[in-house]
Amino acid sequence: MVINKIDMKYFKFIKALIWYLIWGNPVSYEIYLQRLNKCNHCHHRCGEKCCKCGCYLKKKANWSTESCPLKKW
């Protein structure tokens, strides 16, 4: 069975969501803004998404269980 990129994105999102629902919390507003600020200056940003991982930045930056794929936060 071949898994295409879209299926893999859904799988990664569901895995991140479950991880967040079980062990995560929203980060503080200060941390959230710091994370988004780093994303705003990153050349891997594609509008509201990260070009590297495909995640929506506003969601990913707010979840304590998530991190930048480039280790910027």
N, C-alpha and C. Protein backbone atom coordinates (compact mmCIF):
# COMPACT_ATOMS: atom_id res chain seq x y z
N MET A 1 0.83 -1.19 0.00
CA MET A 1 0.00 0.00 0.00
C MET A 1 0.88 1.25 0.00
N VAL A 2 0.62 2.16 -0.87
CA VAL A 2 1.39 3.40 -0.99
C VAL A 2 0.64 4.51 -0.27
N ILE A 3 1.34 5.22 0.59
CA ILE A 3 0.74 6.34 1.32
C ILE A 3 1.18 7.61 0.62
N ASN A 4 0.22 8.40 0.14
CA ASN A 4 0.59 9.64 -0.53
C ASN A 4 0.77 10.77 0.48
N LYS A 5 1.21 11.93 -0.02
CA LYS A 5 1.52 13.06 0.86
C LYS A 5 0.31 13.57 1.62
N ILE A 6 -0.86 13.57 0.99
CA ILE A 6 -2.08 14.05 1.66
C ILE A 6 -2.45 13.13 2.81
N ASP A 7 -2.38 11.82 2.58
CA ASP A 7 -2.68 10.87 3.65
C ASP A 7 -1.71 11.03 4.81
N MET A 8 -0.45 11.26 4.51
CA MET A 8 0.57 11.43 5.55
C MET A 8 0.32 12.70 6.35
N LYS A 9 -0.13 13.78 5.69
CA LYS A 9 -0.45 15.01 6.41
C LYS A 9 -1.59 14.78 7.40
N TYR A 10 -2.62 14.09 6.96
CA TYR A 10 -3.75 13.79 7.86
C TYR A 10 -3.29 12.93 9.03
N PHE A 11 -2.48 11.95 8.75
CA PHE A 11 -1.97 11.08 9.80
C PHE A 11 -1.16 11.88 10.82
N LYS A 12 -0.28 12.75 10.34
CA LYS A 12 0.54 13.56 11.24
C LYS A 12 -0.31 14.51 12.07
N PHE A 13 -1.36 15.10 11.44
CA PHE A 13 -2.23 16.00 12.17
C PHE A 13 -3.00 15.26 13.26
N ILE A 14 -3.56 14.11 12.92
CA ILE A 14 -4.32 13.33 13.90
C ILE A 14 -3.42 12.90 15.05
N LYS A 15 -2.21 12.49 14.74
CA LYS A 15 -1.25 12.11 15.79
C LYS A 15 -0.95 13.31 16.69
N ALA A 16 -0.71 14.49 16.11
CA ALA A 16 -0.43 15.69 16.90
C ALA A 16 -1.63 16.09 17.73
N LEU A 17 -2.82 15.97 17.17
CA LEU A 17 -4.04 16.32 17.89
C LEU A 17 -4.27 15.41 19.09
N ILE A 18 -4.10 14.13 18.90
CA ILE A 18 -4.26 13.18 20.01
C ILE A 18 -3.23 13.45 21.10
N TRP A 19 -1.99 13.67 20.69
CA TRP A 19 -0.91 13.98 21.64
C TRP A 19 -1.27 15.22 22.45
N TYR A 20 -1.78 16.25 21.76
CA TYR A 20 -2.15 17.50 22.43
C TYR A 20 -3.34 17.29 23.38
N LEU A 21 -4.35 16.56 22.93
CA LEU A 21 -5.54 16.34 23.76
C LEU A 21 -5.23 15.55 25.03
N ILE A 22 -4.26 14.66 24.95
CA ILE A 22 -3.91 13.85 26.12
C ILE A 22 -2.92 14.56 27.03
N TRP A 23 -1.84 15.10 26.47
CA TRP A 23 -0.75 15.65 27.28
C TRP A 23 -0.52 17.15 27.15
N GLY A 24 -1.18 17.79 26.22
CA GLY A 24 -0.87 19.18 25.93
C GLY A 24 -1.70 20.21 26.65
N ASN A 25 -1.24 21.42 26.52
CA ASN A 25 -1.92 22.61 27.01
C ASN A 25 -1.62 23.73 26.04
N PRO A 26 -2.46 24.76 26.02
CA PRO A 26 -2.08 25.93 25.24
C PRO A 26 -0.88 26.60 25.92
N VAL A 27 0.01 27.14 25.12
CA VAL A 27 1.15 27.85 25.71
C VAL A 27 0.68 29.23 26.16
N SER A 28 1.49 29.90 26.96
CA SER A 28 1.13 31.24 27.40
C SER A 28 1.08 32.17 26.18
N TYR A 29 0.37 33.27 26.31
CA TYR A 29 0.24 34.22 25.21
C TYR A 29 1.60 34.77 24.81
N GLU A 30 2.47 34.98 25.78
CA GLU A 30 3.82 35.49 25.50
C GLU A 30 4.62 34.50 24.66
N ILE A 31 4.60 33.24 25.03
CA ILE A 31 5.30 32.19 24.27
C ILE A 31 4.71 32.08 22.87
N TYR A 32 3.38 32.12 22.78
CA TYR A 32 2.69 32.05 21.50
C TYR A 32 3.18 33.16 20.56
N LEU A 33 3.23 34.38 21.06
CA LEU A 33 3.69 35.51 20.24
C LEU A 33 5.16 35.37 19.86
N GLN A 34 5.99 34.87 20.76
CA GLN A 34 7.40 34.65 20.43
C GLN A 34 7.55 33.63 19.32
N ARG A 35 6.79 32.56 19.39
CA ARG A 35 6.84 31.52 18.36
C ARG A 35 6.40 32.08 17.01
N LEU A 36 5.27 32.79 16.99
CA LEU A 36 4.79 33.35 15.73
C LEU A 36 5.75 34.38 15.17
N ASN A 37 6.40 35.13 16.03
CA ASN A 37 7.37 36.12 15.58
C ASN A 37 8.54 35.43 14.86
N LYS A 38 8.99 34.32 15.40
CA LYS A 38 10.07 33.57 14.73
C LYS A 38 9.59 33.04 13.39
N CYS A 39 8.34 32.59 13.34
CA CYS A 39 7.78 32.09 12.08
C CYS A 39 7.62 33.22 11.06
N ASN A 40 7.26 34.40 11.53
CA ASN A 40 7.07 35.54 10.62
C ASN A 40 8.36 35.90 9.90
N HIS A 41 9.50 35.64 10.50
CA HIS A 41 10.79 35.99 9.91
C HIS A 41 11.47 34.79 9.24
N CYS A 42 10.77 33.69 9.12
CA CYS A 42 11.34 32.47 8.55
C CYS A 42 11.05 32.40 7.05
N HIS A 43 12.04 32.00 6.28
CA HIS A 43 11.84 31.90 4.83
C HIS A 43 11.07 30.64 4.43
N HIS A 44 10.73 29.79 5.38
CA HIS A 44 9.93 28.59 5.11
C HIS A 44 8.44 28.82 5.36
N ARG A 45 8.06 30.06 5.60
CA ARG A 45 6.65 30.39 5.82
C ARG A 45 5.95 30.55 4.48
N CYS A 46 4.79 29.92 4.35
CA CYS A 46 3.96 30.02 3.14
C CYS A 46 2.59 30.54 3.55
N GLY A 47 2.46 31.82 3.66
CA GLY A 47 1.19 32.40 4.10
C GLY A 47 0.93 32.05 5.55
N GLU A 48 -0.17 31.35 5.80
CA GLU A 48 -0.54 30.95 7.16
C GLU A 48 0.03 29.60 7.55
N LYS A 49 0.79 28.97 6.65
CA LYS A 49 1.31 27.62 6.89
C LYS A 49 2.84 27.61 6.88
N CYS A 50 3.37 26.56 7.44
CA CYS A 50 4.81 26.30 7.37
C CYS A 50 5.06 25.44 6.13
N CYS A 51 5.94 25.88 5.25
CA CYS A 51 6.25 25.12 4.04
C CYS A 51 7.00 23.84 4.36
N LYS A 52 7.70 23.81 5.46
CA LYS A 52 8.51 22.65 5.84
C LYS A 52 7.63 21.49 6.31
N CYS A 53 6.67 21.75 7.20
CA CYS A 53 5.85 20.67 7.74
C CYS A 53 4.40 20.70 7.26
N GLY A 54 3.95 21.84 6.73
CA GLY A 54 2.59 21.95 6.23
C GLY A 54 1.55 22.32 7.27
N CYS A 55 1.98 22.58 8.50
CA CYS A 55 1.04 22.90 9.58
C CYS A 55 0.60 24.37 9.53
N TYR A 56 -0.60 24.61 10.04
CA TYR A 56 -1.07 25.98 10.20
C TYR A 56 -0.37 26.57 11.42
N LEU A 57 0.31 27.68 11.21
CA LEU A 57 1.18 28.24 12.24
C LEU A 57 0.44 28.68 13.50
N LYS A 58 -0.73 29.27 13.35
CA LYS A 58 -1.45 29.77 14.52
C LYS A 58 -1.86 28.63 15.45
N LYS A 59 -2.18 27.48 14.90
CA LYS A 59 -2.52 26.32 15.74
C LYS A 59 -1.26 25.71 16.34
N LYS A 60 -0.28 25.44 15.49
CA LYS A 60 0.93 24.76 15.94
C LYS A 60 1.66 25.56 17.02
N ALA A 61 1.73 26.87 16.84
CA ALA A 61 2.43 27.72 17.81
C ALA A 61 1.74 27.76 19.17
N ASN A 62 0.46 27.43 19.21
CA ASN A 62 -0.29 27.50 20.46
C ASN A 62 -0.29 26.19 21.24
N TRP A 63 0.13 25.10 20.63
CA TRP A 63 0.11 23.80 21.28
C TRP A 63 1.45 23.51 21.95
N SER A 64 1.42 23.22 23.23
CA SER A 64 2.65 22.96 23.99
C SER A 64 3.36 21.69 23.53
N THR A 65 2.65 20.79 22.90
CA THR A 65 3.23 19.52 22.48
C THR A 65 3.89 19.60 21.10
N GLU A 66 3.81 20.75 20.45
CA GLU A 66 4.37 20.91 19.11
C GLU A 66 5.66 21.73 19.15
N SER A 67 6.47 21.55 18.12
CA SER A 67 7.71 22.31 18.00
C SER A 67 8.00 22.59 16.54
N CYS A 68 8.88 23.52 16.30
CA CYS A 68 9.27 23.89 14.95
C CYS A 68 10.11 22.76 14.33
N PRO A 69 9.83 22.39 13.08
CA PRO A 69 10.63 21.34 12.45
C PRO A 69 12.09 21.76 12.21
N LEU A 70 12.34 23.06 12.27
CA LEU A 70 13.71 23.57 12.09
C LEU A 70 14.37 23.88 13.43
N LYS A 71 13.72 23.50 14.53
CA LYS A 71 14.23 23.69 15.90
C LYS A 71 14.40 25.17 16.27
N LYS A 72 13.56 26.04 15.70
CA LYS A 72 13.62 27.47 16.04
C LYS A 72 12.86 27.78 17.33
N TRP A 73 11.94 26.88 17.69
CA TRP A 73 11.22 26.99 18.97
C TRP A 73 10.74 25.62 19.38
